[in-house]
Amino acid sequence: MAPISRLPRTLGVKTRMEFQDKFICFIDILGFKSLVHTAETGGDIKLPEIAEILKCLGSQKDVDNIKKHGPSTCPDSTCIEKDISFNVTQISDCAIISSEISPLGAINIISHCWGAVISLLMKGIMCRGYITKGSIYHTNTQVIGSGYAKAYSKESEVSAFKREANERGAPYVEVDSEVCEYIESTNDKCVKEMFSRYIKKDGDTTVLFPFKRLGHSFILAGYGVDFNPEKELESNNNVRLLIKRVKKELVKYIDNTNPCAVLKSQHYIAALDAQLEACNATDDVIRSWS
């Protein structure tokens, strides 16, 4: 592996108690109050199930892993510190994540948040969040700063892919335009490529979009490639079954007595239905080449 490119140290000694300029994400599980109420009143959802859901947000284990092995996404990208000043604080139904201002710091906080979103999606759980840039003092026990306050306040205002004109609080993790501009300004091809895989744009708004992960890709023909239509159809059907399972899990957790929760769930259901349609189209392409 090539040596990690390092930026000049401009943030001071990390052991000192001081604010740092960092990338910051606040991410929140939606419908958590309803989950807890169901568990406390003896419903189908149990406390261990909730505890497993919360693990998706991240923990000190993720911080320790980066300290030991380094960031896993675009590991050769430029950084300031080898551990990119990465921190995760998980409290109840939310998490605060931060990383240094560098190309490596940018893509790995986004990668962590995208991983949380996709992990929650696989369990049928919706979430919302905001990734920004600002001042923060962040340890495993304390979070202080205007940057954190901005991420926290903006989380509830996410409005991408509105289904109603006055809708606020759509179930996505939004990426602040300042963060997008930082990534667009870097010359790092890996960072730009990975970022493009994680996001979807709605006008000027950018959000993490996990749904396109639920798709089947294949090579029709080429040097050294044997196209097996039956195998490809089977693989595509496995994706279809996965999407249907995720929809079933999502319905399980929706509080149908809460119109706001139902509206939010329609975002996920529509996106999953679009992926099911893509599976049908993929079947047609495979069959046309068989």
Protein backbone atom coordinates (compact mmCIF):
# COMPACT_ATOMS: atom_id res chain seq x y z
CA MET A 1 0.00 0.00 0.00
CA ALA A 2 1.29 3.46 -0.84
CA PRO A 3 2.11 5.76 2.09
CA ILE A 4 -0.70 8.02 3.25
CA SER A 5 -0.32 11.58 2.05
CA ARG A 6 -0.37 13.99 4.94
CA LEU A 7 -1.58 17.58 5.13
CA PRO A 8 0.17 20.12 7.35
CA ARG A 9 -0.83 19.94 11.02
CA THR A 10 -2.96 23.04 11.53
CA LEU A 11 -5.36 21.90 14.25
CA GLY A 12 -3.03 21.84 17.21
CA VAL A 13 -2.20 19.05 19.65
CA LYS A 14 -5.06 16.59 19.83
CA THR A 15 -4.69 15.95 23.56
CA ARG A 16 -5.54 19.57 24.40
CA MET A 17 -9.12 20.51 25.17
CA GLU A 18 -9.97 22.80 22.28
CA PHE A 19 -12.45 23.24 19.45
CA GLN A 20 -11.57 21.83 16.05
CA ASP A 21 -12.92 22.57 12.60
CA LYS A 22 -14.31 19.19 11.46
CA PHE A 23 -16.85 17.42 9.32
CA ILE A 24 -19.82 16.60 11.55
CA CYS A 25 -22.89 14.40 11.17
CA PHE A 26 -25.95 14.16 13.37
CA ILE A 27 -28.07 11.10 12.53
CA ASP A 28 -31.35 10.11 14.15
CA ILE A 29 -33.51 6.96 14.02
CA LEU A 30 -37.10 7.77 13.09
CA GLY A 31 -40.01 6.18 14.96
CA PHE A 32 -37.82 5.26 17.92
CA LYS A 33 -40.36 6.39 20.52
CA SER A 34 -42.91 4.02 19.02
CA LEU A 35 -40.41 1.14 19.05
CA VAL A 36 -39.64 1.71 22.72
CA HIS A 37 -43.31 1.97 23.62
CA THR A 38 -44.03 -1.33 21.85
CA ALA A 39 -41.17 -3.05 23.67
CA GLU A 40 -42.16 -1.65 27.06
CA THR A 41 -45.79 -2.70 26.68
CA GLY A 42 -45.03 -6.29 25.69
CA GLY A 43 -45.54 -5.97 21.93
CA ASP A 44 -43.87 -7.85 19.08
CA ILE A 45 -40.71 -5.73 19.29
CA LYS A 46 -38.36 -6.62 22.15
CA LEU A 47 -35.54 -4.69 23.82
CA PRO A 48 -32.73 -6.87 22.35
CA GLU A 49 -34.10 -6.10 18.87
CA ILE A 50 -33.91 -2.36 19.60
CA ALA A 51 -30.36 -2.77 20.91
CA GLU A 52 -29.35 -4.46 17.63
CA ILE A 53 -30.91 -1.61 15.65
CA LEU A 54 -28.89 0.96 17.61
CA LYS A 55 -25.63 -0.83 16.78
CA CYS A 56 -26.09 0.31 13.18
CA LEU A 57 -25.29 3.89 14.17
CA GLY A 58 -21.73 3.05 15.19
CA SER A 59 -19.78 2.96 18.42
CA GLN A 60 -16.37 3.31 20.02
CA LYS A 61 -15.48 0.06 18.27
CA ASP A 62 -15.50 1.92 14.94
CA VAL A 63 -13.22 4.60 16.38
CA ASP A 64 -10.80 1.99 17.77
CA ASN A 65 -10.77 0.13 14.45
CA ILE A 66 -9.70 3.27 12.56
CA LYS A 67 -7.04 4.01 15.18
CA LYS A 68 -5.66 0.48 14.76
CA HIS A 69 -6.04 -0.14 11.03
CA GLY A 70 -6.66 3.29 9.51
CA PRO A 71 -9.67 4.40 7.43
CA SER A 72 -10.90 1.75 4.98
CA THR A 73 -12.44 3.96 2.25
CA CYS A 74 -9.89 5.50 -0.15
CA PRO A 75 -7.08 4.71 2.34
CA ASP A 76 -4.39 6.39 0.22
CA SER A 77 -6.16 9.76 0.20
CA THR A 78 -4.68 12.82 1.87
CA CYS A 79 -5.15 13.27 5.62
CA ILE A 80 -3.84 15.23 8.60
CA GLU A 81 -3.87 12.47 11.22
CA LYS A 82 -3.75 8.75 10.47
CA ASP A 83 -6.94 8.25 12.51
CA ILE A 84 -8.57 11.31 10.77
CA SER A 85 -9.64 12.52 14.25
CA PHE A 86 -12.61 10.18 13.86
CA ASN A 87 -15.13 10.08 16.70
CA VAL A 88 -18.54 8.52 17.28
CA THR A 89 -20.87 9.30 20.17
CA GLN A 90 -24.08 7.26 20.25
CA ILE A 91 -26.83 8.44 22.61
CA SER A 92 -30.23 6.73 22.71
CA ASP A 93 -31.66 6.93 19.16
CA CYS A 94 -29.02 9.21 17.62
CA ALA A 95 -25.31 9.46 16.91
CA ILE A 96 -22.82 12.27 16.40
CA ILE A 97 -19.91 11.47 14.11
CA SER A 98 -16.98 13.74 13.30
CA SER A 99 -13.75 13.63 11.31
CA GLU A 100 -10.93 15.95 10.32
CA ILE A 101 -11.15 18.35 7.37
CA SER A 102 -9.26 16.39 4.71
CA PRO A 103 -10.20 14.32 1.65
CA LEU A 104 -9.73 11.14 3.70
CA GLY A 105 -11.75 12.59 6.57
CA ALA A 106 -14.55 13.65 4.23
CA ILE A 107 -15.06 10.35 2.46
CA ASN A 108 -14.81 8.23 5.60
CA ILE A 109 -17.38 10.14 7.61
CA ILE A 110 -19.69 9.92 4.59
CA SER A 111 -18.89 6.23 4.18
CA HIS A 112 -19.64 5.58 7.87
CA CYS A 113 -22.96 7.42 7.67
CA TRP A 114 -23.91 5.67 4.43
CA GLY A 115 -23.09 2.35 6.11
CA ALA A 116 -25.39 3.26 9.00
CA VAL A 117 -28.18 4.20 6.60
CA ILE A 118 -27.92 0.96 4.58
CA SER A 119 -27.68 -1.17 7.73
CA LEU A 120 -30.81 0.44 9.16
CA LEU A 121 -32.57 0.07 5.80
CA MET A 122 -31.85 -3.67 5.80
CA LYS A 123 -33.69 -3.85 9.14
CA GLY A 124 -36.63 -1.81 7.81
CA ILE A 125 -35.70 1.25 9.89
CA MET A 126 -35.85 4.83 8.62
CA CYS A 127 -33.38 7.50 9.67
CA ARG A 128 -32.59 11.15 9.01
CA GLY A 129 -29.50 13.25 9.44
CA TYR A 130 -27.30 16.12 8.33
CA ILE A 131 -23.59 16.23 7.45
CA THR A 132 -21.93 19.62 7.72
CA LYS A 133 -18.67 21.36 8.54
CA GLY A 134 -17.99 23.44 11.64
CA SER A 135 -16.49 23.89 15.06
CA ILE A 136 -16.72 21.06 17.57
CA TYR A 137 -15.09 19.60 20.66
CA HIS A 138 -15.78 15.88 20.39
CA THR A 139 -14.71 13.02 22.63
CA ASN A 140 -16.39 9.71 23.39
CA THR A 141 -18.20 11.40 26.29
CA GLN A 142 -18.63 15.06 25.28
CA VAL A 143 -19.91 16.94 22.24
CA ILE A 144 -19.75 20.76 22.27
CA GLY A 145 -19.73 23.34 19.49
CA SER A 146 -21.64 25.40 16.95
CA GLY A 147 -20.92 22.83 14.22
CA TYR A 148 -22.72 20.16 16.19
CA ALA A 149 -25.58 22.59 16.90
CA LYS A 150 -25.93 23.25 13.15
CA ALA A 151 -26.00 19.54 12.27
CA TYR A 152 -28.58 18.92 15.01
CA SER A 153 -30.88 21.76 13.95
CA LYS A 154 -30.65 21.03 10.22
CA GLU A 155 -31.49 17.33 10.66
CA SER A 156 -35.17 18.04 11.20
CA GLU A 157 -35.36 20.30 8.12
CA VAL A 158 -34.32 17.78 5.45
CA SER A 159 -36.73 18.23 2.54
CA ALA A 160 -35.30 16.24 -0.38
CA PHE A 161 -37.69 14.51 -2.77
CA LYS A 162 -40.77 16.12 -1.23
CA ARG A 163 -44.00 14.17 -1.57
CA GLU A 164 -46.06 17.13 -0.33
CA ALA A 165 -45.41 20.86 -0.83
CA ASN A 166 -45.02 21.67 2.88
CA GLU A 167 -43.18 18.49 3.84
CA ARG A 168 -40.23 18.82 6.22
CA GLY A 169 -38.11 16.17 7.84
CA ALA A 170 -37.82 13.73 4.93
CA PRO A 171 -36.09 10.45 5.89
CA TYR A 172 -32.68 11.08 4.36
CA VAL A 173 -29.22 12.12 5.52
CA GLU A 174 -28.50 15.41 3.77
CA VAL A 175 -24.98 16.53 2.84
CA ASP A 176 -24.42 20.26 3.33
CA SER A 177 -23.47 22.16 0.16
CA GLU A 178 -20.19 23.22 1.80
CA VAL A 179 -19.20 19.56 2.22
CA CYS A 180 -20.20 18.80 -1.38
CA GLU A 181 -18.14 21.74 -2.62
CA TYR A 182 -15.14 20.56 -0.61
CA ILE A 183 -15.30 17.14 -2.26
CA GLU A 184 -15.88 18.61 -5.71
CA SER A 185 -12.81 20.84 -5.27
CA THR A 186 -10.44 17.98 -4.43
CA ASN A 187 -8.34 16.30 -7.11
CA ASP A 188 -8.80 12.91 -5.44
CA LYS A 189 -10.49 10.59 -7.97
CA CYS A 190 -11.24 7.89 -5.41
CA VAL A 191 -13.00 10.32 -3.07
CA LYS A 192 -15.09 11.73 -5.91
CA GLU A 193 -15.99 8.29 -7.28
CA MET A 194 -17.01 6.87 -3.90
CA PHE A 195 -19.01 9.99 -3.07
CA SER A 196 -20.94 9.67 -6.33
CA ARG A 197 -21.89 6.10 -5.39
CA TYR A 198 -23.30 7.16 -2.03
CA ILE A 199 -25.49 10.10 -3.03
CA LYS A 200 -28.43 11.28 -5.08
CA LYS A 201 -29.32 14.87 -5.90
CA ASP A 202 -32.70 16.59 -5.77
CA GLY A 203 -32.04 19.95 -7.39
CA ASP A 204 -29.44 21.66 -5.22
CA THR A 205 -29.96 19.21 -2.35
CA THR A 206 -27.70 16.17 -1.92
CA VAL A 207 -28.60 13.17 0.24
CA LEU A 208 -27.15 9.76 1.01
CA PHE A 209 -29.20 7.33 -1.06
CA PRO A 210 -28.81 3.63 -0.21
CA PHE A 211 -31.52 2.25 -2.49
CA LYS A 212 -29.40 1.96 -5.63
CA ARG A 213 -27.29 -0.58 -3.70
CA LEU A 214 -30.28 -2.91 -4.07
CA GLY A 215 -29.70 -3.84 -7.67
CA HIS A 216 -28.04 -6.53 -9.77
CA SER A 217 -25.30 -5.71 -12.26
CA PHE A 218 -23.59 -8.07 -14.67
CA ILE A 219 -21.40 -8.26 -17.76
CA LEU A 220 -23.20 -9.55 -20.83
CA ALA A 221 -20.12 -10.71 -22.69
CA GLY A 222 -16.44 -10.07 -23.00
CA TYR A 223 -12.99 -11.60 -23.05
CA GLY A 224 -12.85 -14.42 -20.51
CA VAL A 225 -16.49 -13.92 -19.50
CA ASP A 226 -19.08 -16.67 -19.88
CA PHE A 227 -22.59 -15.26 -19.77
CA ASN A 228 -24.93 -17.60 -17.89
CA PRO A 229 -28.50 -16.27 -18.17
CA GLU A 230 -29.96 -18.75 -15.68
CA LYS A 231 -27.39 -17.78 -13.07
CA GLU A 232 -27.94 -14.08 -13.71
CA LEU A 233 -31.73 -14.48 -13.47
CA GLU A 234 -31.28 -16.32 -10.18
CA SER A 235 -29.01 -13.59 -8.82
CA ASN A 236 -31.44 -10.90 -9.91
CA ASN A 237 -34.31 -12.75 -8.24
CA ASN A 238 -32.30 -12.92 -5.01
CA VAL A 239 -32.08 -9.13 -5.11
CA ARG A 240 -35.83 -8.98 -5.73
CA LEU A 241 -36.48 -11.20 -2.69
CA LEU A 242 -34.19 -9.02 -0.57
CA ILE A 243 -36.07 -5.88 -1.56
CA LYS A 244 -39.40 -7.52 -0.72
CA ARG A 245 -38.03 -8.58 2.67
CA VAL A 246 -36.88 -5.04 3.40
CA LYS A 247 -40.36 -3.72 2.47
CA LYS A 248 -41.93 -6.24 4.82
CA GLU A 249 -39.64 -5.17 7.66
CA LEU A 250 -40.38 -1.51 6.94
CA VAL A 251 -44.13 -2.07 7.16
CA LYS A 252 -43.60 -3.91 10.44
CA TYR A 253 -42.11 -0.82 12.09
CA ILE A 254 -44.44 1.87 10.69
CA ASP A 255 -46.79 3.49 13.20
CA ASN A 256 -49.93 3.62 11.07
CA THR A 257 -51.66 5.86 13.64
CA ASN A 258 -49.10 8.58 12.88
CA PRO A 259 -49.77 10.30 9.50
CA CYS A 260 -46.31 11.89 9.54
CA ALA A 261 -44.66 8.48 9.94
CA VAL A 262 -46.78 7.04 7.14
CA LEU A 263 -45.76 9.91 4.83
CA LYS A 264 -42.09 9.35 5.59
CA SER A 265 -42.41 5.64 4.92
CA GLN A 266 -43.77 6.41 1.44
CA HIS A 267 -40.31 7.74 0.50
CA TYR A 268 -38.75 4.35 1.23
CA ILE A 269 -41.59 2.31 -0.27
CA ALA A 270 -41.47 4.31 -3.51
CA ALA A 271 -37.69 3.91 -3.75
CA LEU A 272 -37.93 0.16 -3.08
CA ASP A 273 -40.70 -0.21 -5.65
CA ALA A 274 -38.48 1.56 -8.18
CA GLN A 275 -35.77 -1.01 -7.48
CA LEU A 276 -38.28 -3.83 -7.99
CA GLU A 277 -39.16 -2.33 -11.36
CA ALA A 278 -35.45 -2.21 -12.16
CA CYS A 279 -35.26 -5.93 -11.33
CA ASN A 280 -38.05 -6.62 -13.82
CA ALA A 281 -36.25 -4.60 -16.48
CA THR A 282 -33.03 -6.49 -15.74
CA ASP A 283 -34.86 -9.79 -16.25
CA ASP A 284 -35.97 -8.58 -19.68
CA VAL A 285 -32.39 -7.67 -20.65
CA ILE A 286 -31.05 -11.02 -19.48
CA ARG A 287 -33.72 -12.96 -21.34
CA SER A 288 -33.11 -10.97 -24.51
CA TRP A 289 -29.49 -12.19 -24.51
CA SER A 290 -30.27 -15.80 -23.63
